[in-house]
C-alpha atoms as a PDB file:
ATOM      1  CA  MET A   1     -13.307 -25.881 -18.537  1.00  0.00           C
ATOM      2  CA  HIS A   2     -13.091 -22.582 -20.372  1.00  0.00           C
ATOM      3  CA  ILE A   3     -11.156 -20.574 -17.826  1.00  0.00           C
ATOM      4  CA  PHE A   4      -9.817 -18.051 -20.313  1.00  0.00           C
ATOM      5  CA  LYS A   5     -13.160 -16.244 -20.521  1.00  0.00           C
ATOM      6  CA  TYR A   6     -12.646 -15.177 -16.872  1.00  0.00           C
ATOM      7  CA  LEU A   7      -9.231 -13.635 -17.562  1.00  0.00           C
ATOM      8  CA  PRO A   8      -9.008  -9.976 -18.612  1.00  0.00           C
ATOM      9  CA  GLU A   9      -8.563  -9.294 -22.298  1.00  0.00           C
ATOM     10  CA  GLY A  10      -4.942  -8.859 -23.301  1.00  0.00           C
ATOM     11  CA  ALA A  11      -3.573 -10.390 -20.089  1.00  0.00           C
ATOM     12  CA  VAL A  12      -0.020 -11.682 -20.238  1.00  0.00           C
ATOM     13  CA  GLN A  13       0.929 -14.994 -18.633  1.00  0.00           C
ATOM     14  CA  ILE A  14       4.072 -14.850 -16.495  1.00  0.00           C
ATOM     15  CA  GLN A  15       6.023 -17.973 -15.626  1.00  0.00           C
ATOM     16  CA  PHE A  16       6.089 -18.133 -11.842  1.00  0.00           C
ATOM     17  CA  ILE A  17       9.316 -19.417 -10.316  1.00  0.00           C
ATOM     18  CA  ARG A  18       9.072 -19.547  -6.555  1.00  0.00           C
ATOM     19  CA  PRO A  19      11.982 -18.393  -4.391  1.00  0.00           C
ATOM     20  CA  TYR A  20      13.980 -21.196  -2.823  1.00  0.00           C
ATOM     21  CA  TYR A  21      15.425 -20.485   0.635  1.00  0.00           C
ATOM     22  CA  GLU A  22      18.260 -22.406   2.247  1.00  0.00           C
ATOM     23  CA  TYR A  23      19.144 -22.310   5.913  1.00  0.00           C
ATOM     24  CA  PHE A  24      22.727 -21.441   6.816  1.00  0.00           C
ATOM     25  CA  GLU A  25      24.580 -21.191  10.124  1.00  0.00           C
ATOM     26  CA  ASP A  26      27.645 -19.057  10.781  1.00  0.00           C
ATOM     27  CA  GLU A  27      30.505 -19.786  13.213  1.00  0.00           C
ATOM     28  CA  GLU A  28      28.636 -18.324  16.193  1.00  0.00           C
ATOM     29  CA  GLY A  29      25.675 -20.626  15.708  1.00  0.00           C
ATOM     30  CA  CYS A  30      23.307 -17.944  14.428  1.00  0.00           C
ATOM     31  CA  GLY A  31      21.112 -19.202  11.635  1.00  0.00           C
ATOM     32  CA  TYR A  32      19.735 -17.255   8.705  1.00  0.00           C
ATOM     33  CA  GLU A  33      17.853 -17.938   5.506  1.00  0.00           C
ATOM     34  CA  GLU A  34      19.081 -16.876   2.105  1.00  0.00           C
ATOM     35  CA  CYS A  35      17.345 -16.993  -1.267  1.00  0.00           C
ATOM     36  CA  THR A  36      19.490 -19.173  -3.512  1.00  0.00           C
ATOM     37  CA  ASN A  37      17.683 -18.481  -6.800  1.00  0.00           C
ATOM     38  CA  GLU A  38      17.230 -14.732  -6.446  1.00  0.00           C
ATOM     39  CA  ASP A  39      18.263 -14.081 -10.046  1.00  0.00           C
ATOM     40  CA  ARG A  40      15.700 -16.572 -11.434  1.00  0.00           C
ATOM     41  CA  CYS A  41      12.662 -16.293  -9.133  1.00  0.00           C
ATOM     42  CA  THR A  42       9.663 -14.156 -10.094  1.00  0.00           C
ATOM     43  CA  ASP A  43       9.805 -10.609  -8.712  1.00  0.00           C
ATOM     44  CA  VAL A  44       6.094  -9.886  -8.177  1.00  0.00           C
ATOM     45  CA  PRO A  45       6.530  -6.376  -6.615  1.00  0.00           C
ATOM     46  CA  TYR A  46       8.445  -5.328  -9.743  1.00  0.00           C
ATOM     47  CA  LEU A  47       5.654  -6.716 -11.920  1.00  0.00           C
ATOM     48  CA  ILE A  48       3.026  -4.857  -9.861  1.00  0.00           C
ATOM     49  CA  ASN A  49       4.892  -1.554 -10.320  1.00  0.00           C
ATOM     50  CA  LYS A  50       5.183  -2.247 -14.043  1.00  0.00           C
ATOM     51  CA  LEU A  51       1.436  -2.961 -14.140  1.00  0.00           C
ATOM     52  CA  VAL A  52       0.681   0.439 -12.592  1.00  0.00           C
ATOM     53  CA  GLN A  53       2.853   2.149 -15.223  1.00  0.00           C
ATOM     54  CA  ASP A  54       1.800   0.179 -18.328  1.00  0.00           C
ATOM     55  CA  ARG A  55      -1.706  -0.948 -17.243  1.00  0.00           C
ATOM     56  CA  ILE A  56      -1.319  -4.298 -18.978  1.00  0.00           C
ATOM     57  CA  PRO A  57      -2.873  -7.057 -16.811  1.00  0.00           C
ATOM     58  CA  PHE A  58      -0.922 -10.220 -16.077  1.00  0.00           C
ATOM     59  CA  TYR A  59      -1.432 -13.535 -14.359  1.00  0.00           C
ATOM     60  CA  TYR A  60       0.591 -16.521 -13.244  1.00  0.00           C
ATOM     61  CA  ARG A  61      -0.351 -20.084 -12.445  1.00  0.00           C
ATOM     62  CA  ARG A  62       0.400 -21.871  -9.181  1.00  0.00           C
ATOM     63  CA  ARG A  63       0.630 -25.594  -8.578  1.00  0.00           C
ATOM     64  CA  THR A  64      -2.489 -25.773  -6.362  1.00  0.00           C
ATOM     65  CA  ALA A  65      -5.504 -23.558  -5.697  1.00  0.00           C
ATOM     66  CA  GLU A  66      -4.371 -23.208  -2.057  1.00  0.00           C
ATOM     67  CA  PHE A  67      -1.080 -21.650  -3.148  1.00  0.00           C
ATOM     68  CA  ALA A  68      -3.007 -19.278  -5.428  1.00  0.00           C
ATOM     69  CA  PHE A  69      -5.323 -18.323  -2.553  1.00  0.00           C
ATOM     70  CA  HIS A  70      -2.344 -17.654  -0.277  1.00  0.00           C
ATOM     71  CA  ASP A  71      -0.629 -15.523  -2.954  1.00  0.00           C
ATOM     72  CA  LYS A  72      -3.816 -13.563  -3.562  1.00  0.00           C
ATOM     73  CA  ARG A  73      -4.176 -12.685   0.123  1.00  0.00           C
ATOM     74  CA  THR A  74      -0.491 -11.801   0.445  1.00  0.00           C
ATOM     75  CA  TRP A  75      -0.506  -9.411  -2.515  1.00  0.00           C
ATOM     76  CA  ILE A  76      -3.853  -7.840  -1.543  1.00  0.00           C
ATOM     77  CA  GLN A  77      -2.338  -6.966   1.845  1.00  0.00           C
ATOM     78  CA  HIS A  78       0.819  -5.633   0.174  1.00  0.00           C
ATOM     79  CA  CYS A  79      -1.070  -3.460  -2.326  1.00  0.00           C
ATOM     80  CA  GLY A  80      -3.557  -2.240   0.285  1.00  0.00           C
ATOM     81  CA  SER A  81      -0.903  -1.194   2.762  1.00  0.00           C
ATOM     82  CA  HIS A  82       1.085   0.687   0.086  1.00  0.00           C
ATOM     83  CA  LYS A  83      -2.070   2.148  -1.560  1.00  0.00           C
ATOM     84  CA  ILE A  84      -1.329   0.587  -4.959  1.00  0.00           C
ATOM     85  CA  PRO A  85      -4.470   0.604  -7.188  1.00  0.00           C
ATOM     86  CA  VAL A  86      -4.298  -3.031  -8.298  1.00  0.00           C
ATOM     87  CA  LYS A  87      -7.189  -5.490  -8.255  1.00  0.00           C
ATOM     88  CA  ILE A  88      -6.065  -9.042  -7.481  1.00  0.00           C
ATOM     89  CA  ARG A  89      -8.257 -12.087  -7.905  1.00  0.00           C
ATOM     90  CA  LYS A  90      -7.952 -15.850  -8.120  1.00  0.00           C
ATOM     91  CA  VAL A  91      -9.268 -17.761 -11.119  1.00  0.00           C
ATOM     92  CA  GLY A  92      -8.807 -21.465 -10.495  1.00  0.00           C
ATOM     93  CA  ARG A  93      -5.061 -21.933  -9.925  1.00  0.00           C
ATOM     94  CA  ARG A  94      -4.216 -18.572 -11.497  1.00  0.00           C
ATOM     95  CA  VAL A  95      -3.576 -15.278  -9.692  1.00  0.00           C
ATOM     96  CA  VAL A  96      -4.732 -12.343 -11.839  1.00  0.00           C
ATOM     97  CA  PHE A  97      -3.460  -8.761 -11.424  1.00  0.00           C
ATOM     98  CA  GLU A  98      -5.415  -5.880 -13.005  1.00  0.00           C
ATOM     99  CA  TYR A  99      -5.126  -2.113 -12.754  1.00  0.00           C
ATOM    100  CA  CYS A 100      -8.246  -0.617 -11.093  1.00  0.00           C
ATOM    101  CA  GLU A 101      -9.260   3.015 -11.654  1.00  0.00           C
ATOM    102  CA  LYS A 102     -11.878   2.822  -8.880  1.00  0.00           C
ATOM    103  CA  LEU A 103      -9.159   2.036  -6.336  1.00  0.00           C
ATOM    104  CA  GLU A 104      -7.040   4.878  -7.704  1.00  0.00           C
ATOM    105  CA  LYS A 105      -9.897   7.347  -7.084  1.00  0.00           C
ATOM    106  CA  LYS A 106     -10.548   5.834  -3.658  1.00  0.00           C
ATOM    107  CA  TYR A 107      -6.907   6.149  -2.585  1.00  0.00           C
ATOM    108  CA  ALA A 108      -6.720   9.714  -3.943  1.00  0.00           C
ATOM    109  CA  GLN A 109      -9.721  10.787  -1.837  1.00  0.00           C
ATOM    110  CA  HIS A 110      -8.744   8.734   1.209  1.00  0.00           C
ATOM    111  CA  GLY A 111      -6.154  11.186   2.548  1.00  0.00           C
ATOM    112  CA  LYS A 112      -8.448  14.246   2.600  1.00  0.00           C
ATOM    113  CA  TYR A 113     -10.376  15.337   5.641  1.00  0.00           C
ATOM    114  CA  TYR A 114     -11.587  18.516   7.306  1.00  0.00           C
ATOM    115  CA  LYS A 115      -9.996  19.848  10.481  1.00  0.00           C
ATOM    116  CA  ASN A 116     -11.780  22.205  12.856  1.00  0.00           C
ATOM    117  CA  SER A 117      -9.799  25.211  13.978  1.00  0.00           C
ATOM    118  CA  PRO A 118     -10.618  28.572  15.589  1.00  0.00           C
ATOM    119  CA  VAL A 119     -10.415  30.112  12.119  1.00  0.00           C
ATOM    120  CA  GLY A 120     -12.901  27.649  10.577  1.00  0.00           C
ATOM    121  CA  LYS A 121     -12.863  24.363   8.754  1.00  0.00           C
ATOM    122  CA  ILE A 122      -9.657  23.750   6.822  1.00  0.00           C
ATOM    123  CA  LYS A 123      -9.365  21.091   4.143  1.00  0.00           C
ATOM    124  CA  VAL A 124      -5.994  19.396   4.605  1.00  0.00           C
ATOM    125  CA  GLU A 125      -4.204  16.333   3.326  1.00  0.00           C
ATOM    126  CA  LYS A 126      -3.653  13.591   5.867  1.00  0.00           C
ATOM    127  CA  HIS A 127      -0.210  13.749   7.484  1.00  0.00           C
ATOM    128  CA  SER A 128       0.468  17.185   6.007  1.00  0.00           C
ATOM    129  CA  GLU A 129       1.537  20.249   7.951  1.00  0.00           C
ATOM    130  CA  VAL A 130      -1.229  22.826   8.559  1.00  0.00           C
ATOM    131  CA  THR A 131       0.135  26.376   8.632  1.00  0.00           C
ATOM    132  CA  PHE A 132      -1.373  29.658   9.777  1.00  0.00           C
ATOM    133  CA  GLY A 133       0.765  32.306   8.133  1.00  0.00           C
ATOM    134  CA  ASP A 134       4.312  31.691   9.353  1.00  0.00           C
ATOM    135  CA  LEU A 135       3.197  29.511  12.301  1.00  0.00           C
ATOM    136  CA  THR A 136       2.760  25.765  12.240  1.00  0.00           C
ATOM    137  CA  ALA A 137      -0.379  24.226  13.735  1.00  0.00           C
ATOM    138  CA  GLU A 138       1.372  23.273  16.983  1.00  0.00           C
ATOM    139  CA  ASP A 139       2.794  26.780  17.442  1.00  0.00           C
ATOM    140  CA  PHE A 140      -0.587  28.329  16.678  1.00  0.00           C
ATOM    141  CA  TYR A 141      -2.448  26.193  19.244  1.00  0.00           C
ATOM    142  CA  ARG A 142       0.295  26.640  21.871  1.00  0.00           C
ATOM    143  CA  ASP A 143       0.113  30.438  21.471  1.00  0.00           C
ATOM    144  CA  TYR A 144      -3.691  30.260  21.524  1.00  0.00           C
ATOM    145  CA  GLU A 145      -3.689  28.254  24.781  1.00  0.00           C
ATOM    146  CA  GLN A 146      -1.124  30.580  26.382  1.00  0.00           C
ATOM    147  CA  GLY A 147      -3.292  33.551  25.431  1.00  0.00           C
ATOM    148  CA  LEU A 148      -6.301  31.912  27.077  1.00  0.00           C
ATOM    149  CA  MET A 149      -4.276  31.127  30.207  1.00  0.00           C
ATOM    150  CA  GLU A 150      -2.982  34.708  30.451  1.00  0.00           C
ATOM    151  CA  ALA A 151      -6.480  36.094  29.911  1.00  0.00           C
ATOM    152  CA  GLY A 152      -7.808  33.803  32.648  1.00  0.00           C
ATOM    153  CA  GLN A 153      -5.087  34.908  35.082  1.00  0.00           C
ATOM    154  CA  GLU A 154      -5.746  38.611  34.379  1.00  0.00           C
ATOM    155  CA  ASP A 155      -9.428  38.116  35.174  1.00  0.00           C
ATOM    156  CA  LEU A 156      -8.547  36.615  38.564  1.00  0.00           C
ATOM    157  CA  THR A 157      -6.379  39.568  39.634  1.00  0.00           C
END
């Protein structure tokens, strides 16, 4: 089977060494796991960050297709939650990592939205602080609500 035609051009093969965990117990009976080959095992998050910087695709081969499928799903969740523009796919027993410009554009536009305010629509970044002069958004709305309450009480008297 000619599997290399499905790999990106210029992709580098990485030797995958899985982490090996041993179970230890301390004097109190509490158990914990520790990676015993941390200096030798493959550091995939480091390779993903290097891929984003250098944009050179890479792949590694797993022992079975099920392991490759599990790795693919794990790293898709990792990259999606951290908004890393990397496309991950499975080709046979190989897990292929490629830089994706479409995802980069998608993640760049994802944080923008419009917020309605008494002043008008304001384009803001998600999770950023909206300011009105020297006031923050919370201070502005609190003062606005207090002004409405005071105006309503003056009308009643």
